[in-house]
PDB file of N, CA and C in Angstrom:
ATOM      1  N   MET A   1     -54.190 -32.206 -52.842  1.00  0.00           N
ATOM      2  CA  MET A   1     -53.946 -32.979 -54.364  1.00  0.00           C
ATOM      3  C   MET A   1     -52.648 -33.860 -53.742  1.00  0.00           C
ATOM      4  N   LYS A   2     -53.022 -35.141 -53.886  1.00  0.00           N
ATOM      5  CA  LYS A   2     -51.879 -36.001 -53.622  1.00  0.00           C
ATOM      6  C   LYS A   2     -51.387 -36.604 -54.891  1.00  0.00           C
ATOM      7  N   ILE A   3     -50.623 -37.764 -55.119  1.00  0.00           N
ATOM      8  CA  ILE A   3     -50.748 -38.426 -56.058  1.00  0.00           C
ATOM      9  C   ILE A   3     -50.374 -40.074 -55.229  1.00  0.00           C
ATOM     10  N   ASP A   4     -51.470 -40.341 -56.291  1.00  0.00           N
ATOM     11  CA  ASP A   4     -51.314 -41.976 -55.265  1.00  0.00           C
ATOM     12  C   ASP A   4     -50.241 -42.781 -55.761  1.00  0.00           C
ATOM     13  N   ASN A   5     -49.307 -44.257 -55.757  1.00  0.00           N
ATOM     14  CA  ASN A   5     -48.280 -45.049 -56.630  1.00  0.00           C
ATOM     15  C   ASN A   5     -49.340 -45.162 -58.539  1.00  0.00           C
ATOM     16  N   LYS A   6     -50.450 -44.845 -58.204  1.00  0.00           N
ATOM     17  CA  LYS A   6     -51.103 -45.895 -59.657  1.00  0.00           C
ATOM     18  C   LYS A   6     -51.635 -43.938 -60.317  1.00  0.00           C
ATOM     19  N   ASN A   7     -50.809 -43.092 -60.327  1.00  0.00           N
ATOM     20  CA  ASN A   7     -50.798 -41.753 -61.097  1.00  0.00           C
ATOM     21  C   ASN A   7     -52.170 -41.651 -61.227  1.00  0.00           C
ATOM     22  N   ASP A   8     -53.312 -41.888 -59.654  1.00  0.00           N
ATOM     23  CA  ASP A   8     -55.127 -41.691 -60.180  1.00  0.00           C
ATOM     24  C   ASP A   8     -54.610 -40.116 -58.795  1.00  0.00           C
ATOM     25  N   LEU A   9     -54.956 -38.523 -59.260  1.00  0.00           N
ATOM     26  CA  LEU A   9     -55.097 -37.688 -58.588  1.00  0.00           C
ATOM     27  C   LEU A   9     -56.754 -38.037 -57.876  1.00  0.00           C
ATOM     28  N   ASN A  10     -55.973 -37.514 -55.981  1.00  0.00           N
ATOM     29  CA  ASN A  10     -57.126 -38.423 -55.512  1.00  0.00           C
ATOM     30  C   ASN A  10     -57.695 -36.087 -54.677  1.00  0.00           C
ATOM     31  N   LEU A  11     -58.458 -36.484 -55.732  1.00  0.00           N
ATOM     32  CA  LEU A  11     -59.407 -35.191 -55.373  1.00  0.00           C
ATOM     33  C   LEU A  11     -60.745 -34.951 -54.612  1.00  0.00           C
ATOM     34  N   PRO A  12     -61.007 -33.799 -54.333  1.00  0.00           N
ATOM     35  CA  PRO A  12     -62.329 -33.878 -52.526  1.00  0.00           C
ATOM     36  C   PRO A  12     -63.254 -34.240 -53.555  1.00  0.00           C
ATOM     37  N   ASP A  13     -64.225 -34.231 -53.301  1.00  0.00           N
ATOM     38  CA  ASP A  13     -65.988 -34.329 -54.006  1.00  0.00           C
ATOM     39  C   ASP A  13     -65.621 -32.748 -53.740  1.00  0.00           C
ATOM     40  N   ALA A  14     -67.247 -32.491 -55.223  1.00  0.00           N
ATOM     41  CA  ALA A  14     -67.361 -31.478 -55.628  1.00  0.00           C
ATOM     42  C   ALA A  14     -68.117 -31.061 -54.874  1.00  0.00           C
ATOM     43  N   PRO A  15     -68.015 -29.176 -55.023  1.00  0.00           N
ATOM     44  CA  PRO A  15     -68.733 -29.337 -53.469  1.00  0.00           C
ATOM     45  C   PRO A  15     -70.180 -28.623 -54.202  1.00  0.00           C
ATOM     46  N   ASP A  16     -71.278 -29.022 -53.355  1.00  0.00           N
ATOM     47  CA  ASP A  16     -72.671 -28.424 -53.380  1.00  0.00           C
ATOM     48  C   ASP A  16     -72.852 -27.744 -54.887  1.00  0.00           C
ATOM     49  N   PHE A  17     -72.245 -26.557 -55.009  1.00  0.00           N
ATOM     50  CA  PHE A  17     -72.478 -25.537 -55.945  1.00  0.00           C
ATOM     51  C   PHE A  17     -72.361 -26.246 -57.070  1.00  0.00           C
ATOM     52  N   ILE A  18     -71.992 -26.755 -57.627  1.00  0.00           N
ATOM     53  CA  ILE A  18     -71.238 -27.846 -58.326  1.00  0.00           C
ATOM     54  C   ILE A  18     -72.247 -28.477 -59.117  1.00  0.00           C
ATOM     55  N   SER A  19     -71.889 -29.235 -57.646  1.00  0.00           N
ATOM     56  CA  SER A  19     -72.455 -30.478 -57.987  1.00  0.00           C
ATOM     57  C   SER A  19     -74.522 -30.889 -57.786  1.00  0.00           C
ATOM     58  N   LYS A  20     -74.455 -30.142 -57.623  1.00  0.00           N
ATOM     59  CA  LYS A  20     -76.382 -29.423 -57.435  1.00  0.00           C
ATOM     60  C   LYS A  20     -76.626 -28.144 -58.378  1.00  0.00           C
ATOM     61  N   PRO A  21     -77.260 -28.491 -58.986  1.00  0.00           N
ATOM     62  CA  PRO A  21     -77.101 -27.546 -59.865  1.00  0.00           C
ATOM     63  C   PRO A  21     -78.793 -26.755 -59.300  1.00  0.00           C
ATOM     64  N   PRO A  22     -78.747 -24.830 -59.434  1.00  0.00           N
ATOM     65  CA  PRO A  22     -79.802 -24.405 -59.101  1.00  0.00           C
ATOM     66  C   PRO A  22     -81.675 -24.881 -60.284  1.00  0.00           C
ATOM     67  N   LYS A  23     -82.286 -25.334 -58.936  1.00  0.00           N
ATOM     68  CA  LYS A  23     -83.602 -25.374 -59.611  1.00  0.00           C
ATOM     69  C   LYS A  23     -85.014 -24.096 -60.264  1.00  0.00           C
ATOM     70  N   ILE A  24     -84.414 -24.153 -61.275  1.00  0.00           N
ATOM     71  CA  ILE A  24     -84.510 -22.912 -62.325  1.00  0.00           C
ATOM     72  C   ILE A  24     -86.188 -23.338 -63.373  1.00  0.00           C
ATOM     73  N   THR A  25     -87.112 -23.125 -63.100  1.00  0.00           N
ATOM     74  CA  THR A  25     -87.909 -23.384 -63.675  1.00  0.00           C
ATOM     75  C   THR A  25     -87.172 -22.307 -65.220  1.00  0.00           C
ATOM     76  N   GLN A  26     -87.405 -23.410 -66.757  1.00  0.00           N
ATOM     77  CA  GLN A  26     -87.802 -22.497 -67.866  1.00  0.00           C
ATOM     78  C   GLN A  26     -88.405 -20.738 -68.814  1.00  0.00           C
ATOM     79  N   GLU A  27     -89.692 -21.237 -67.602  1.00  0.00           N
ATOM     80  CA  GLU A  27     -89.483 -20.017 -67.880  1.00  0.00           C
ATOM     81  C   GLU A  27     -89.384 -19.032 -66.847  1.00  0.00           C
ATOM     82  N   GLU A  28     -88.018 -19.221 -65.634  1.00  0.00           N
ATOM     83  CA  GLU A  28     -87.882 -18.123 -64.873  1.00  0.00           C
ATOM     84  C   GLU A  28     -86.633 -18.007 -65.872  1.00  0.00           C
ATOM     85  N   LEU A  29     -85.810 -19.512 -66.315  1.00  0.00           N
ATOM     86  CA  LEU A  29     -84.638 -19.247 -67.214  1.00  0.00           C
ATOM     87  C   LEU A  29     -85.009 -18.363 -68.204  1.00  0.00           C
ATOM     88  N   ILE A  30     -86.096 -18.117 -68.792  1.00  0.00           N
ATOM     89  CA  ILE A  30     -86.886 -17.131 -69.744  1.00  0.00           C
ATOM     90  C   ILE A  30     -86.430 -15.776 -69.765  1.00  0.00           C
ATOM     91  N   LYS A  31     -87.126 -15.474 -68.119  1.00  0.00           N
ATOM     92  CA  LYS A  31     -87.340 -14.138 -67.637  1.00  0.00           C
ATOM     93  C   LYS A  31     -86.388 -13.689 -67.524  1.00  0.00           C
ATOM     94  N   GLN A  32     -85.456 -13.980 -67.412  1.00  0.00           N
ATOM     95  CA  GLN A  32     -83.364 -13.509 -67.043  1.00  0.00           C
ATOM     96  C   GLN A  32     -83.492 -13.331 -68.276  1.00  0.00           C
ATOM     97  N   CYS A  33     -83.302 -14.422 -69.440  1.00  0.00           N
ATOM     98  CA  CYS A  33     -82.328 -13.992 -70.735  1.00  0.00           C
ATOM     99  C   CYS A  33     -83.126 -12.623 -71.114  1.00  0.00           C
ATOM    100  N   GLU A  34     -85.278 -12.695 -70.288  1.00  0.00           N
ATOM    101  CA  GLU A  34     -84.799 -11.352 -71.579  1.00  0.00           C
ATOM    102  C   GLU A  34     -84.814  -9.816 -70.962  1.00  0.00           C
ATOM    103  N   GLN A  35     -84.528 -10.441 -70.131  1.00  0.00           N
ATOM    104  CA  GLN A  35     -83.795  -8.984 -69.216  1.00  0.00           C
ATOM    105  C   GLN A  35     -82.548  -8.919 -69.571  1.00  0.00           C
ATOM    106  N   MET A  36     -81.839  -9.894 -68.995  1.00  0.00           N
ATOM    107  CA  MET A  36     -80.258  -9.320 -69.352  1.00  0.00           C
ATOM    108  C   MET A  36     -79.846  -9.387 -71.748  1.00  0.00           C
ATOM    109  N   LEU A  37     -81.448  -9.382 -72.849  1.00  0.00           N
ATOM    110  CA  LEU A  37     -81.281  -8.981 -74.064  1.00  0.00           C
ATOM    111  C   LEU A  37     -80.826  -7.742 -74.077  1.00  0.00           C
ATOM    112  N   PRO A  38     -81.082  -6.012 -73.635  1.00  0.00           N
ATOM    113  CA  PRO A  38     -81.095  -5.124 -74.049  1.00  0.00           C
ATOM    114  C   PRO A  38     -79.322  -4.450 -73.980  1.00  0.00           C
ATOM    115  N   HIS A  39     -79.077  -5.335 -72.608  1.00  0.00           N
ATOM    116  CA  HIS A  39     -77.732  -4.545 -72.174  1.00  0.00           C
ATOM    117  C   HIS A  39     -77.067  -5.503 -73.132  1.00  0.00           C
ATOM    118  N   TRP A  40     -76.306  -6.962 -73.795  1.00  0.00           N
ATOM    119  CA  TRP A  40     -76.224  -7.833 -73.973  1.00  0.00           C
ATOM    120  C   TRP A  40     -76.061  -6.596 -76.022  1.00  0.00           C
ATOM    121  N   ASN A  41     -77.487  -6.880 -76.463  1.00  0.00           N
ATOM    122  CA  ASN A  41     -76.941  -5.890 -77.340  1.00  0.00           C
ATOM    123  C   ASN A  41     -76.316  -4.850 -77.936  1.00  0.00           C
ATOM    124  N   LYS A  42     -76.790  -3.774 -76.549  1.00  0.00           N
ATOM    125  CA  LYS A  42     -75.961  -2.484 -76.162  1.00  0.00           C
ATOM    126  C   LYS A  42     -74.349  -2.550 -76.622  1.00  0.00           C
ATOM    127  N   ILE A  43     -74.274  -3.778 -75.751  1.00  0.00           N
ATOM    128  CA  ILE A  43     -72.625  -3.819 -75.942  1.00  0.00           C
ATOM    129  C   ILE A  43     -72.621  -4.961 -77.021  1.00  0.00           C
ATOM    130  N   ARG A  44     -73.236  -4.827 -77.947  1.00  0.00           N
ATOM    131  CA  ARG A  44     -73.154  -5.719 -79.783  1.00  0.00           C
ATOM    132  C   ARG A  44     -72.776  -5.038 -80.753  1.00  0.00           C
ATOM    133  N   LEU A  45     -74.013  -4.001 -80.022  1.00  0.00           N
ATOM    134  CA  LEU A  45     -74.009  -2.918 -81.377  1.00  0.00           C
ATOM    135  C   LEU A  45     -72.927  -1.911 -81.065  1.00  0.00           C
ATOM    136  N   GLN A  46     -72.080  -1.497 -79.482  1.00  0.00           N
ATOM    137  CA  GLN A  46     -70.998  -0.462 -79.680  1.00  0.00           C
ATOM    138  C   GLN A  46     -70.282  -0.682 -80.629  1.00  0.00           C
ATOM    139  N   ASN A  47     -69.415  -1.925 -81.585  1.00  0.00           N
ATOM    140  CA  ASN A  47     -68.223  -2.717 -82.390  1.00  0.00           C
ATOM    141  C   ASN A  47     -68.405  -2.330 -82.823  1.00  0.00           C
ATOM    142  N   PRO A  48     -68.081  -1.137 -84.041  1.00  0.00           N
ATOM    143  CA  PRO A  48     -68.577  -1.159 -84.927  1.00  0.00           C
ATOM    144  C   PRO A  48     -68.551  -3.083 -86.181  1.00  0.00           C
ATOM    145  N   GLN A  49     -69.102  -3.140 -87.531  1.00  0.00           N
ATOM    146  CA  GLN A  49     -69.436  -4.400 -87.576  1.00  0.00           C
ATOM    147  C   GLN A  49     -67.903  -4.746 -88.756  1.00  0.00           C
ATOM    148  N   PRO A  50     -67.495  -5.476 -89.326  1.00  0.00           N
ATOM    149  CA  PRO A  50     -66.244  -5.536 -90.297  1.00  0.00           C
ATOM    150  C   PRO A  50     -67.146  -5.395 -91.816  1.00  0.00           C
ATOM    151  N   GLN A  51     -66.260  -4.222 -92.291  1.00  0.00           N
ATOM    152  CA  GLN A  51     -67.026  -4.882 -93.765  1.00  0.00           C
ATOM    153  C   GLN A  51     -66.724  -6.025 -94.241  1.00  0.00           C
ATOM    154  N   PHE A  52     -67.729  -5.961 -95.322  1.00  0.00           N
ATOM    155  CA  PHE A  52     -67.501  -7.556 -96.370  1.00  0.00           C
ATOM    156  C   PHE A  52     -67.010  -6.492 -97.546  1.00  0.00           C
ATOM    157  N   ASN A  53     -66.356  -7.306 -97.640  1.00  0.00           N
ATOM    158  CA  ASN A  53     -65.705  -7.049 -99.153  1.00  0.00           C
ATOM    159  C   ASN A  53     -66.160  -7.643-100.695  1.00  0.00           C
ATOM    160  N   GLY A  54     -66.932  -8.743 -99.739  1.00  0.00           N
ATOM    161  CA  GLY A  54     -67.718  -9.678-101.355  1.00  0.00           C
ATOM    162  C   GLY A  54     -66.378 -11.050-101.900  1.00  0.00           C
ATOM    163  N   LYS A  55     -65.172 -11.440-101.033  1.00  0.00           N
ATOM    164  CA  LYS A  55     -64.813 -11.643-101.719  1.00  0.00           C
ATOM    165  C   LYS A  55     -64.802 -13.020-100.334  1.00  0.00           C
ATOM    166  N   SER A  56     -64.296 -14.649-100.437  1.00  0.00           N
ATOM    167  CA  SER A  56     -63.633 -14.969 -99.894  1.00  0.00           C
ATOM    168  C   SER A  56     -62.410 -15.969-100.175  1.00  0.00           C
ATOM    169  N   PHE A  57     -61.855 -16.563 -99.055  1.00  0.00           N
ATOM    170  CA  PHE A  57     -60.991 -16.257 -98.662  1.00  0.00           C
ATOM    171  C   PHE A  57     -60.387 -18.371 -98.731  1.00  0.00           C
ATOM    172  N   ARG A  58     -59.818 -18.346-100.362  1.00  0.00           N
ATOM    173  CA  ARG A  58     -59.086 -19.909 -99.625  1.00  0.00           C
ATOM    174  C   ARG A  58     -56.870 -19.893 -99.324  1.00  0.00           C
ATOM    175  N   PHE A  59     -57.096 -21.124 -98.359  1.00  0.00           N
ATOM    176  CA  PHE A  59     -55.270 -21.658 -98.762  1.00  0.00           C
ATOM    177  C   PHE A  59     -54.849 -22.058 -99.696  1.00  0.00           C
ATOM    178  N   VAL A  60     -53.899 -21.364-100.364  1.00  0.00           N
ATOM    179  CA  VAL A  60     -52.671 -21.742-101.219  1.00  0.00           C
ATOM    180  C   VAL A  60     -51.676 -22.903-100.896  1.00  0.00           C
ATOM    181  N   GLU A  61     -51.495 -24.123-101.368  1.00  0.00           N
ATOM    182  CA  GLU A  61     -50.766 -24.577-101.768  1.00  0.00           C
ATOM    183  C   GLU A  61     -49.782 -24.560-101.975  1.00  0.00           C
TER     184      GLU A  61
END
C-alpha cells in the first residue's frame, strides 16, 4: 500500500471471494437459516432476560 502525491491509496484489486458473492438461491438460503435457528435460539434463551420495571427513562437537563 503506497500513498502517492495525491493522497490516494494505491490498493490492490479485491480478492475473488469478496468481489464475487456465492451464487445461492433464495430457497437454499432459507434452508440454511432454518437449520441454524435452533442453535441461535438455544444461545439466546440461555441468557436471562432483563426484568422490565415498567418505568421509562428520560434525560434530565
